[in-house]
């Protein structure tokens, strides 16, 4: 895992709590030695806890912005449930590393 992610482990956890992230994982080049901080982007896979109706859009983009500011690099934030293609899913799964997992379930807004 890239040193930039390790450096900001506590801040990443705080952002995940603030933006109701259930799971945050890194995948792609940021998980291996081919990562170049001067050229590479950071690919993150996110799964949210239940979010209040109408707040999903703001939550997603506010998290994306906060991650890019914290990490100082372009971030591709992929919502896990949006990956429907089995080949894409397999490719992502090959390199995925867990960054954050919520410890307890929060109340649902349904």
C-alpha atoms as a PDB file:
ATOM      1  CA  UNK A   1       0.000   0.000   0.000  1.00  0.00           C
ATOM      2  CA  UNK A   2       1.276   3.471  -0.793  1.00  0.00           C
ATOM      3  CA  UNK A   3       2.962   5.442   1.949  1.00  0.00           C
ATOM      4  CA  UNK A   4       0.531   8.344   1.417  1.00  0.00           C
ATOM      5  CA  UNK A   5      -2.327   6.093   2.548  1.00  0.00           C
ATOM      6  CA  UNK A   6      -0.341   4.769   5.514  1.00  0.00           C
ATOM      7  CA  UNK A   7       0.618   8.332   6.490  1.00  0.00           C
ATOM      8  CA  UNK A   8      -3.028   9.376   6.648  1.00  0.00           C
ATOM      9  CA  UNK A   9      -4.566   6.251   8.197  1.00  0.00           C
ATOM     10  CA  UNK A  10      -6.138   8.136  11.145  1.00  0.00           C
ATOM     11  CA  UNK A  11      -7.474  10.947   8.961  1.00  0.00           C
ATOM     12  CA  UNK A  12      -8.937   8.403   6.530  1.00  0.00           C
ATOM     13  CA  UNK A  13     -10.762   6.723   9.401  1.00  0.00           C
ATOM     14  CA  UNK A  14     -12.107  10.086  10.550  1.00  0.00           C
ATOM     15  CA  UNK A  15     -13.358  10.909   7.041  1.00  0.00           C
ATOM     16  CA  UNK A  16     -15.008   7.504   6.786  1.00  0.00           C
ATOM     17  CA  UNK A  17     -16.870   8.114  10.023  1.00  0.00           C
ATOM     18  CA  UNK A  18     -17.876  11.624   8.989  1.00  0.00           C
ATOM     19  CA  UNK A  19     -19.204  10.526   5.595  1.00  0.00           C
ATOM     20  CA  UNK A  20     -20.873   7.279   6.758  1.00  0.00           C
ATOM     21  CA  UNK A  21     -18.517   4.910   4.963  1.00  0.00           C
ATOM     22  CA  UNK A  22     -19.081   1.252   5.701  1.00  0.00           C
ATOM     23  CA  UNK A  23     -16.017   0.030   3.773  1.00  0.00           C
ATOM     24  CA  UNK A  24     -13.184   1.801   1.990  1.00  0.00           C
ATOM     25  CA  UNK A  25     -10.686  -0.193  -0.042  1.00  0.00           C
ATOM     26  CA  UNK A  26      -7.808   0.712  -2.291  1.00  0.00           C
ATOM     27  CA  UNK A  27      -7.190  -1.131  -5.559  1.00  0.00           C
ATOM     28  CA  UNK A  28      -5.141  -0.839  -8.703  1.00  0.00           C
ATOM     29  CA  UNK A  29      -1.656   0.637  -8.925  1.00  0.00           C
ATOM     30  CA  UNK A  30      -1.838   2.183  -5.438  1.00  0.00           C
ATOM     31  CA  UNK A  31      -1.609  -1.316  -3.949  1.00  0.00           C
ATOM     32  CA  UNK A  32       1.677  -2.215  -5.569  1.00  0.00           C
ATOM     33  CA  UNK A  33       5.147  -1.106  -6.456  1.00  0.00           C
ATOM     34  CA  UNK A  34       4.076   0.465  -9.751  1.00  0.00           C
ATOM     35  CA  UNK A  35       2.501   3.398  -7.869  1.00  0.00           C
ATOM     36  CA  UNK A  36       4.227   6.685  -8.681  1.00  0.00           C
ATOM     37  CA  UNK A  37       3.010   9.528  -6.426  1.00  0.00           C
ATOM     38  CA  UNK A  38       4.010  12.126  -9.011  1.00  0.00           C
ATOM     39  CA  UNK A  39       1.894  10.547 -11.792  1.00  0.00           C
ATOM     40  CA  UNK A  40      -0.543   7.994 -10.397  1.00  0.00           C
ATOM     41  CA  UNK A  41      -4.071   8.470  -9.204  1.00  0.00           C
ATOM     42  CA  UNK A  42      -5.523   6.563  -6.253  1.00  0.00           C
ATOM     43  CA  UNK A  43      -8.372   4.155  -6.949  1.00  0.00           C
ATOM     44  CA  UNK A  44     -10.727   3.664  -4.007  1.00  0.00           C
ATOM     45  CA  UNK A  45     -13.748   1.428  -3.663  1.00  0.00           C
ATOM     46  CA  UNK A  46     -16.450   2.686  -1.285  1.00  0.00           C
ATOM     47  CA  UNK A  47     -19.545   1.233   0.315  1.00  0.00           C
ATOM     48  CA  UNK A  48     -21.719   3.587   2.367  1.00  0.00           C
ATOM     49  CA  UNK A  49     -23.816   2.954   5.434  1.00  0.00           C
ATOM     50  CA  UNK A  50     -27.472   3.947   4.971  1.00  0.00           C
ATOM     51  CA  UNK A  51     -27.657   7.646   4.124  1.00  0.00           C
ATOM     52  CA  UNK A  52     -30.574   9.969   4.679  1.00  0.00           C
ATOM     53  CA  UNK A  53     -32.743  10.280   1.548  1.00  0.00           C
ATOM     54  CA  UNK A  54     -31.549  13.095  -0.673  1.00  0.00           C
ATOM     55  CA  UNK A  55     -28.075  13.273   0.910  1.00  0.00           C
ATOM     56  CA  UNK A  56     -26.254  10.644  -1.184  1.00  0.00           C
ATOM     57  CA  UNK A  57     -25.032  13.035  -3.906  1.00  0.00           C
ATOM     58  CA  UNK A  58     -23.542  15.521  -1.442  1.00  0.00           C
ATOM     59  CA  UNK A  59     -22.056  12.774   0.712  1.00  0.00           C
ATOM     60  CA  UNK A  60     -20.307  11.139  -2.245  1.00  0.00           C
ATOM     61  CA  UNK A  61     -18.851  14.344  -3.689  1.00  0.00           C
ATOM     62  CA  UNK A  62     -17.894  15.816  -0.312  1.00  0.00           C
ATOM     63  CA  UNK A  63     -16.034  12.589   0.507  1.00  0.00           C
ATOM     64  CA  UNK A  64     -14.317  12.613  -2.893  1.00  0.00           C
ATOM     65  CA  UNK A  65     -13.199  16.217  -2.403  1.00  0.00           C
ATOM     66  CA  UNK A  66     -11.990  15.555   1.160  1.00  0.00           C
ATOM     67  CA  UNK A  67     -10.002  12.483   0.030  1.00  0.00           C
ATOM     68  CA  UNK A  68      -8.299  14.391  -2.806  1.00  0.00           C
ATOM     69  CA  UNK A  69      -7.369  17.236  -0.452  1.00  0.00           C
ATOM     70  CA  UNK A  70      -6.060  14.867   2.217  1.00  0.00           C
ATOM     71  CA  UNK A  71      -4.064  12.646  -0.131  1.00  0.00           C
ATOM     72  CA  UNK A  72      -2.859  15.399  -2.450  1.00  0.00           C
ATOM     73  CA  UNK A  73      -3.579  13.263  -5.505  1.00  0.00           C
ATOM     74  CA  UNK A  74      -6.406  12.605  -7.942  1.00  0.00           C
ATOM     75  CA  UNK A  75      -8.811  10.016  -6.526  1.00  0.00           C
ATOM     76  CA  UNK A  76     -11.150   7.734  -8.463  1.00  0.00           C
ATOM     77  CA  UNK A  77     -13.906   6.903  -5.988  1.00  0.00           C
ATOM     78  CA  UNK A  78     -15.867   3.895  -7.228  1.00  0.00           C
ATOM     79  CA  UNK A  79     -19.080   2.843  -5.516  1.00  0.00           C
ATOM     80  CA  UNK A  80     -18.823  -0.909  -4.989  1.00  0.00           C
ATOM     81  CA  UNK A  81     -22.408  -1.661  -5.997  1.00  0.00           C
ATOM     82  CA  UNK A  82     -21.891   0.117  -9.327  1.00  0.00           C
ATOM     83  CA  UNK A  83     -19.501  -2.552 -10.598  1.00  0.00           C
ATOM     84  CA  UNK A  84     -21.739  -4.917 -12.541  1.00  0.00           C
ATOM     85  CA  UNK A  85     -19.318  -6.386 -15.071  1.00  0.00           C
ATOM     86  CA  UNK A  86     -17.859  -9.656 -13.713  1.00  0.00           C
ATOM     87  CA  UNK A  87     -14.527  -9.060 -15.470  1.00  0.00           C
ATOM     88  CA  UNK A  88     -14.200  -5.610 -13.912  1.00  0.00           C
ATOM     89  CA  UNK A  89     -15.198  -7.011 -10.530  1.00  0.00           C
ATOM     90  CA  UNK A  90     -12.594  -9.760 -10.824  1.00  0.00           C
ATOM     91  CA  UNK A  91      -9.904  -7.267 -11.788  1.00  0.00           C
ATOM     92  CA  UNK A  92     -10.737  -5.009  -8.837  1.00  0.00           C
ATOM     93  CA  UNK A  93     -10.840  -7.949  -6.417  1.00  0.00           C
ATOM     94  CA  UNK A  94      -7.344  -9.072  -7.440  1.00  0.00           C
ATOM     95  CA  UNK A  95      -5.672  -6.028  -5.925  1.00  0.00           C
ATOM     96  CA  UNK A  96      -8.092  -4.773  -3.266  1.00  0.00           C
ATOM     97  CA  UNK A  97      -6.758  -3.874   0.191  1.00  0.00           C
ATOM     98  CA  UNK A  98      -8.987  -2.819   3.073  1.00  0.00           C
ATOM     99  CA  UNK A  99      -8.489   0.701   4.478  1.00  0.00           C
ATOM    100  CA  UNK A 100     -11.593   1.035   6.669  1.00  0.00           C
ATOM    101  CA  UNK A 101     -14.496  -1.090   7.839  1.00  0.00           C
ATOM    102  CA  UNK A 102     -17.218   0.252  10.127  1.00  0.00           C
ATOM    103  CA  UNK A 103     -17.278  -1.631  13.410  1.00  0.00           C
ATOM    104  CA  UNK A 104     -20.985  -1.378  14.060  1.00  0.00           C
ATOM    105  CA  UNK A 105     -24.140  -0.923  12.050  1.00  0.00           C
ATOM    106  CA  UNK A 106     -25.840   2.426  12.222  1.00  0.00           C
ATOM    107  CA  UNK A 107     -29.541   3.049  12.071  1.00  0.00           C
ATOM    108  CA  UNK A 108     -31.205   2.923   8.711  1.00  0.00           C
ATOM    109  CA  UNK A 109     -32.968   5.906   7.151  1.00  0.00           C
ATOM    110  CA  UNK A 110     -35.462   3.695   5.294  1.00  0.00           C
END
